[in-house]
């Protein structure tokens, strides 16, 4: 069995406070104007049709800040699968984030909109089902990831965010290719859609974009504010379902990265900028939640997202199947 390394994909923390902004057109959240990525994917128009209400999003990551002002209340179920050894029955304890990555991902996908605080998520009325699978040091086992996927699906998640990869950072875990496929197949077989970050710095999940192949998951590459592939993004290769989404530029200009909720020890209601395919994936997760909120079936939601992407935009030159950067305005519009 081939073993691969996975790790969290956030590349840069460049700010730790809420920055005052001008009044937002589509939200009264004070930092909405910092979220350039929402305009890129057409979120404002999509919200006139669907906000993902009633859809459960699975977050399999470092957990979530359960008391964060932009998230608390929408986490309907949560648990820790750290140390479960792949046995869902051994998942127990709190999913409280103690690293920050999972909170950032959660905010991108589903932070509250129009609560007069912080930011807005792509699917602001979706609910969160959270499985913590990484420790405060960002370490963990692939078997725990698989258990986490199964747990969130068993608790109603219809789309599962997997912002995991191998960008040669010290935050790592070990997972076999079979374990990853087992989790993804379990999700699809139980009516849920897995969304997987392609990876950073050319390393992906160790299986490389060209080998994502026929996995029943949407593989996501990252774009910057210029809609071009981010310098760090791994190719989605020959994945059968592949798209691009905003992940930030990682160019040392904080405004070019993705602003979202965060966890910092000793602080409450933190926000920060990060960049990575980890940040691109939850944009797609939120987009799928919007489509499911319109009543689309599992396969129909995937097909609609792919067919309505801005063709070729943000795709790496060596990606054979990338459809383009997602466009939720077009995706949610009635045909």
Protein backbone atom coordinates (compact mmCIF):
# COMPACT_ATOMS: atom_id res chain seq x y z
CA UNK A 1 0.00 0.00 0.00
CA UNK A 2 1.50 3.32 -1.03
CA UNK A 3 1.68 5.91 1.72
CA UNK A 4 1.42 9.61 1.03
CA UNK A 5 1.76 12.69 3.15
CA UNK A 6 -0.94 15.25 3.65
CA UNK A 7 -0.90 18.59 5.36
CA UNK A 8 -2.83 21.78 5.80
CA UNK A 9 -2.62 24.12 2.86
CA UNK A 10 -2.76 27.69 4.21
CA UNK A 11 0.35 29.46 2.99
CA UNK A 12 0.45 32.85 4.63
CA UNK A 13 -0.98 34.64 7.64
CA UNK A 14 -0.71 38.34 7.02
CA UNK A 15 -3.27 40.00 9.29
CA UNK A 16 -5.06 39.16 12.51
CA UNK A 17 -7.69 41.85 12.90
CA UNK A 18 -10.88 43.08 11.29
CA UNK A 19 -10.14 45.94 8.91
CA UNK A 20 -12.78 48.67 8.53
CA UNK A 21 -14.25 48.80 5.05
CA UNK A 22 -16.74 50.81 3.10
CA UNK A 23 -20.38 49.78 3.16
CA UNK A 24 -20.99 46.55 1.29
CA UNK A 25 -23.56 46.38 -1.47
CA UNK A 26 -24.80 42.89 -0.71
CA UNK A 27 -24.04 42.52 2.99
CA UNK A 28 -23.85 44.61 6.13
CA UNK A 29 -20.86 42.59 7.35
CA UNK A 30 -18.07 45.11 7.99
CA UNK A 31 -15.32 43.16 6.21
CA UNK A 32 -17.38 42.05 3.24
CA UNK A 33 -15.46 44.41 0.95
CA UNK A 34 -12.27 42.52 1.77
CA UNK A 35 -13.72 39.46 0.08
CA UNK A 36 -12.78 40.02 -3.55
CA UNK A 37 -13.26 36.31 -4.22
CA UNK A 38 -17.04 36.52 -3.81
CA UNK A 39 -17.32 39.02 -6.64
CA UNK A 40 -15.11 36.84 -8.86
CA UNK A 41 -17.50 33.89 -8.59
CA UNK A 42 -20.73 35.92 -8.78
CA UNK A 43 -21.92 35.20 -5.24
CA UNK A 44 -24.05 38.32 -4.81
CA UNK A 45 -26.38 37.47 -7.68
CA UNK A 46 -26.50 33.82 -6.65
CA UNK A 47 -27.72 34.83 -3.18
CA UNK A 48 -30.89 36.26 -4.73
CA UNK A 49 -31.76 32.65 -5.63
CA UNK A 50 -30.22 30.45 -2.93
CA UNK A 51 -28.16 30.76 0.23
CA UNK A 52 -27.73 27.06 0.90
CA UNK A 53 -30.38 27.00 3.61
CA UNK A 54 -30.81 23.57 5.19
CA UNK A 55 -27.76 22.03 3.50
CA UNK A 56 -25.20 20.44 5.79
CA UNK A 57 -21.53 20.99 4.92
CA UNK A 58 -18.96 18.57 6.34
CA UNK A 59 -15.68 20.09 7.52
CA UNK A 60 -12.92 17.51 8.01
CA UNK A 61 -9.95 19.51 9.25
CA UNK A 62 -8.44 20.91 12.47
CA UNK A 63 -11.90 21.54 13.89
CA UNK A 64 -13.67 24.88 14.18
CA UNK A 65 -13.81 27.71 16.71
CA UNK A 66 -17.15 26.79 18.23
CA UNK A 67 -17.62 30.22 19.84
CA UNK A 68 -16.68 32.39 16.87
CA UNK A 69 -19.20 35.17 16.20
CA UNK A 70 -19.47 34.33 12.49
CA UNK A 71 -19.82 30.55 12.99
CA UNK A 72 -21.30 29.77 16.40
CA UNK A 73 -24.84 28.46 16.09
CA UNK A 74 -24.45 27.01 12.61
CA UNK A 75 -22.37 24.06 13.82
CA UNK A 76 -25.17 21.56 14.27
CA UNK A 77 -23.00 18.55 15.13
CA UNK A 78 -19.29 18.14 15.82
CA UNK A 79 -16.79 15.65 17.17
CA UNK A 80 -13.10 14.75 17.26
CA UNK A 81 -11.86 11.72 15.33
CA UNK A 82 -8.24 12.27 16.36
CA UNK A 83 -6.89 8.92 17.51
CA UNK A 84 -9.88 6.99 16.22
CA UNK A 85 -7.74 4.66 14.15
CA UNK A 86 -10.37 4.77 11.44
CA UNK A 87 -13.12 3.48 13.72
CA UNK A 88 -16.03 5.93 13.58
CA UNK A 89 -17.33 4.51 16.87
CA UNK A 90 -14.18 5.83 18.55
CA UNK A 91 -14.73 9.43 17.42
CA UNK A 92 -15.39 11.38 20.61
CA UNK A 93 -14.73 14.69 22.32
CA UNK A 94 -14.69 18.29 21.19
CA UNK A 95 -14.10 19.58 17.68
CA UNK A 96 -12.82 22.91 19.03
CA UNK A 97 -10.11 24.21 16.71
CA UNK A 98 -6.70 24.74 18.28
CA UNK A 99 -4.76 25.42 15.08
CA UNK A 100 -6.88 27.81 13.00
CA UNK A 101 -7.00 26.19 9.57
CA UNK A 102 -10.40 24.54 9.95
CA UNK A 103 -11.98 27.76 11.19
CA UNK A 104 -10.65 29.65 8.15
CA UNK A 105 -12.03 27.01 5.79
CA UNK A 106 -15.40 27.00 7.56
CA UNK A 107 -15.83 30.76 7.25
CA UNK A 108 -15.12 30.75 3.53
CA UNK A 109 -17.76 28.11 2.96
CA UNK A 110 -20.51 29.28 5.29
CA UNK A 111 -19.90 32.26 7.58
CA UNK A 112 -23.07 34.16 8.47
CA UNK A 113 -24.12 37.00 6.17
CA UNK A 114 -25.84 40.20 7.32
CA UNK A 115 -25.15 39.67 11.01
CA UNK A 116 -23.18 42.91 11.11
CA UNK A 117 -20.00 41.02 11.98
CA UNK A 118 -16.93 40.01 10.04
CA UNK A 119 -17.48 38.37 6.66
CA UNK A 120 -19.95 36.36 4.58
CA UNK A 121 -19.55 32.77 3.43
CA UNK A 122 -20.32 31.46 -0.05
CA UNK A 123 -23.32 29.56 1.35
CA UNK A 124 -24.20 31.75 4.34
CA UNK A 125 -27.28 29.83 5.45
CA UNK A 126 -25.74 26.36 5.24
CA UNK A 127 -25.09 24.39 8.41
CA UNK A 128 -21.79 22.83 9.47
CA UNK A 129 -21.03 19.29 10.60
CA UNK A 130 -17.45 19.19 11.84
CA UNK A 131 -14.99 16.37 12.43
CA UNK A 132 -11.65 17.35 13.92
CA UNK A 133 -8.95 15.07 12.47
CA UNK A 134 -5.77 17.10 13.11
CA UNK A 135 -4.08 18.10 16.35
CA UNK A 136 -2.95 21.56 17.45
CA UNK A 137 0.37 20.79 15.75
CA UNK A 138 -1.45 19.96 12.53
CA UNK A 139 -0.49 16.30 12.71
CA UNK A 140 -2.74 13.30 12.28
CA UNK A 141 -3.34 9.96 10.64
CA UNK A 142 -5.03 9.11 7.38
CA UNK A 143 -7.27 6.65 9.16
CA UNK A 144 -8.59 9.54 11.27
CA UNK A 145 -9.35 11.50 8.09
CA UNK A 146 -11.30 8.55 6.70
CA UNK A 147 -13.23 8.22 9.96
CA UNK A 148 -13.95 11.94 9.91
CA UNK A 149 -15.37 11.77 6.39
CA UNK A 150 -17.60 8.88 7.33
CA UNK A 151 -18.76 10.59 10.54
CA UNK A 152 -19.83 13.84 8.88
CA UNK A 153 -21.61 11.95 6.12
CA UNK A 154 -23.38 9.75 8.67
CA UNK A 155 -24.51 12.97 10.35
CA UNK A 156 -26.10 14.47 7.30
CA UNK A 157 -23.32 16.24 5.38
CA UNK A 158 -24.16 16.42 1.67
CA UNK A 159 -20.89 18.08 0.65
CA UNK A 160 -17.57 17.40 2.39
CA UNK A 161 -14.63 19.80 2.32
CA UNK A 162 -11.16 18.20 2.27
CA UNK A 163 -8.58 20.98 2.30
CA UNK A 164 -5.67 18.56 2.64
CA UNK A 165 -2.47 18.07 0.66
CA UNK A 166 1.33 17.95 0.84
CA UNK A 167 3.04 21.32 0.40
CA UNK A 168 6.16 20.20 2.29
CA UNK A 169 5.21 22.09 5.42
CA UNK A 170 5.83 20.88 8.99
CA UNK A 171 2.08 20.37 9.46
CA UNK A 172 1.73 16.83 8.17
CA UNK A 173 -0.02 13.51 8.51
CA UNK A 174 0.20 10.16 6.80
CA UNK A 175 -2.54 8.69 4.63
CA UNK A 176 -2.59 5.89 2.12
CA UNK A 177 -4.11 6.39 -1.30
CA UNK A 178 -6.56 3.62 -0.48
CA UNK A 179 -7.66 5.39 2.70
CA UNK A 180 -8.39 8.59 0.80
CA UNK A 181 -10.32 6.72 -1.88
CA UNK A 182 -12.23 4.81 0.79
CA UNK A 183 -13.43 8.03 2.36
CA UNK A 184 -14.33 9.65 -0.95
CA UNK A 185 -16.18 6.55 -2.17
CA UNK A 186 -18.07 6.34 1.12
CA UNK A 187 -19.20 9.92 0.74
CA UNK A 188 -20.36 9.47 -2.85
CA UNK A 189 -22.06 6.17 -2.09
CA UNK A 190 -24.04 7.85 0.70
CA UNK A 191 -25.21 10.80 -1.35
CA UNK A 192 -22.48 13.30 -0.48
CA UNK A 193 -20.01 15.14 -2.70
CA UNK A 194 -16.33 15.35 -1.69
CA UNK A 195 -14.43 18.53 -2.60
CA UNK A 196 -10.64 18.12 -2.53
CA UNK A 197 -7.93 20.79 -2.68
CA UNK A 198 -5.47 19.85 -5.42
CA UNK A 199 -2.45 20.78 -3.30
CA UNK A 200 0.28 23.40 -3.19
CA UNK A 201 3.76 23.71 -4.63
CA UNK A 202 3.35 20.89 -7.10
CA UNK A 203 2.98 18.19 -4.47
CA UNK A 204 -0.76 17.61 -4.27
CA UNK A 205 -1.90 14.66 -2.19
CA UNK A 206 1.14 12.65 -3.20
CA UNK A 207 -0.92 11.00 -5.93
CA UNK A 208 -0.52 14.03 -8.21
CA UNK A 209 -3.25 15.64 -10.27
CA UNK A 210 -2.80 13.26 -13.19
CA UNK A 211 -3.71 10.36 -10.92
CA UNK A 212 -6.88 11.75 -9.36
CA UNK A 213 -8.44 9.94 -12.30
CA UNK A 214 -11.94 8.62 -11.74
CA UNK A 215 -12.26 9.57 -8.08
CA UNK A 216 -15.80 10.70 -7.30
CA UNK A 217 -14.62 14.07 -6.01
CA UNK A 218 -14.31 17.61 -7.32
CA UNK A 219 -10.61 18.51 -7.44
CA UNK A 220 -9.91 22.22 -6.99
CA UNK A 221 -6.98 24.35 -8.13
CA UNK A 222 -6.41 27.92 -6.94
CA UNK A 223 -6.53 31.30 -8.67
CA UNK A 224 -5.41 34.76 -7.60
CA UNK A 225 -7.26 38.08 -7.99
CA UNK A 226 -6.15 38.17 -11.66
CA UNK A 227 -8.03 34.90 -12.36
CA UNK A 228 -4.77 33.22 -13.33
CA UNK A 229 -3.53 30.01 -11.70
CA UNK A 230 -1.79 30.81 -8.42
CA UNK A 231 1.95 30.22 -8.45
CA UNK A 232 1.68 27.49 -5.81
CA UNK A 233 -1.27 25.52 -7.12
CA UNK A 234 -0.84 21.89 -8.12
CA UNK A 235 -2.39 20.86 -11.42
CA UNK A 236 -5.71 19.06 -11.28
CA UNK A 237 -4.25 16.86 -14.03
CA UNK A 238 -6.65 14.29 -15.41
CA UNK A 239 -9.21 14.38 -12.61
CA UNK A 240 -12.62 13.69 -14.10
CA UNK A 241 -14.20 16.57 -12.16
CA UNK A 242 -11.84 19.54 -11.93
CA UNK A 243 -12.35 23.29 -11.51
CA UNK A 244 -10.50 26.38 -10.31
CA UNK A 245 -11.59 28.76 -7.54
CA UNK A 246 -10.09 31.75 -5.72
CA UNK A 247 -7.33 30.77 -3.33
CA UNK A 248 -5.27 33.92 -3.07
CA UNK A 249 -2.00 35.00 -4.63
CA UNK A 250 0.43 34.41 -1.74
CA UNK A 251 2.38 37.40 -3.08
CA UNK A 252 2.94 39.15 0.28
CA UNK A 253 0.09 41.58 -0.42
CA UNK A 254 -2.50 40.69 2.19
CA UNK A 255 -5.39 42.02 0.11
CA UNK A 256 -4.59 39.45 -2.59
CA UNK A 257 -5.27 36.54 -0.26
CA UNK A 258 -8.51 35.16 1.20
CA UNK A 259 -9.95 36.84 4.28
CA UNK A 260 -11.90 34.63 6.65
CA UNK A 261 -12.59 33.58 10.21
CA UNK A 262 -9.67 32.25 12.25
CA UNK A 263 -8.70 30.85 15.65
CA UNK A 264 -5.87 32.29 17.74
CA UNK A 265 -5.12 31.17 21.27
CA UNK A 266 -6.20 33.79 23.76
CA UNK A 267 -8.19 35.82 21.24
CA UNK A 268 -11.87 35.87 20.40
CA UNK A 269 -13.47 36.27 16.99
CA UNK A 270 -10.23 36.41 15.02
CA UNK A 271 -10.02 36.95 11.26
CA UNK A 272 -7.05 36.71 8.93
CA UNK A 273 -5.80 36.38 5.36
CA UNK A 274 -4.50 33.02 4.09
CA UNK A 275 -3.66 31.68 0.64
CA UNK A 276 -3.67 28.13 -0.67
CA UNK A 277 -5.71 25.55 -2.49
CA UNK A 278 -7.13 24.98 1.01
CA UNK A 279 -8.88 28.31 0.55
CA UNK A 280 -10.03 27.51 -3.01
CA UNK A 281 -11.76 24.26 -2.04
CA UNK A 282 -14.32 25.75 0.40
CA UNK A 283 -15.43 28.21 -2.31
CA UNK A 284 -16.43 25.14 -4.31
CA UNK A 285 -17.92 23.45 -1.25
CA UNK A 286 -20.09 26.52 -0.68
CA UNK A 287 -21.04 26.59 -4.37
CA UNK A 288 -22.25 22.99 -4.21
CA UNK A 289 -24.26 23.84 -1.10
CA UNK A 290 -25.97 26.66 -3.03
CA UNK A 291 -26.94 24.23 -5.78
CA UNK A 292 -28.17 21.57 -3.37
CA UNK A 293 -30.18 24.32 -1.70
CA UNK A 294 -31.96 24.82 -5.01
CA UNK A 295 -32.99 21.17 -4.94
CA UNK A 296 -30.49 19.72 -7.39
CA UNK A 297 -29.53 16.09 -6.96
CA UNK A 298 -26.01 14.94 -6.15
CA UNK A 299 -24.92 14.32 -9.75
CA UNK A 300 -26.91 17.25 -11.13
CA UNK A 301 -25.13 19.64 -8.75
CA UNK A 302 -21.71 18.41 -9.88
CA UNK A 303 -22.67 18.60 -13.54
CA UNK A 304 -24.14 22.10 -13.22
CA UNK A 305 -21.04 23.41 -11.44
CA UNK A 306 -18.76 22.00 -14.15
CA UNK A 307 -20.89 23.08 -17.09
CA UNK A 308 -21.29 26.68 -15.91
CA UNK A 309 -17.66 27.38 -15.00
CA UNK A 310 -15.93 30.21 -16.85
CA UNK A 311 -14.34 28.01 -19.47
CA UNK A 312 -10.59 27.69 -19.22
CA UNK A 313 -10.21 30.55 -16.73
CA UNK A 314 -7.67 29.77 -14.02
CA UNK A 315 -6.77 26.32 -15.34
CA UNK A 316 -3.14 25.20 -15.30
CA UNK A 317 -1.55 24.57 -18.68
CA UNK A 318 -0.98 20.88 -17.92
CA UNK A 319 -4.48 20.18 -16.66
CA UNK A 320 -6.37 18.03 -19.15
CA UNK A 321 -9.83 18.27 -17.64
CA UNK A 322 -10.15 21.55 -15.71
CA UNK A 323 -13.43 23.22 -16.72
CA UNK A 324 -12.51 26.71 -15.55
CA UNK A 325 -13.10 29.01 -12.59
CA UNK A 326 -16.47 28.43 -10.91
CA UNK A 327 -19.29 30.92 -11.54
CA UNK A 328 -22.09 30.54 -8.99
CA UNK A 329 -24.20 33.24 -10.62
CA UNK A 330 -24.41 31.22 -13.80
CA UNK A 331 -24.65 27.91 -11.93
CA UNK A 332 -27.67 28.94 -9.84
CA UNK A 333 -29.51 30.76 -12.62
CA UNK A 334 -32.60 29.06 -13.98
CA UNK A 335 -32.05 27.48 -17.38
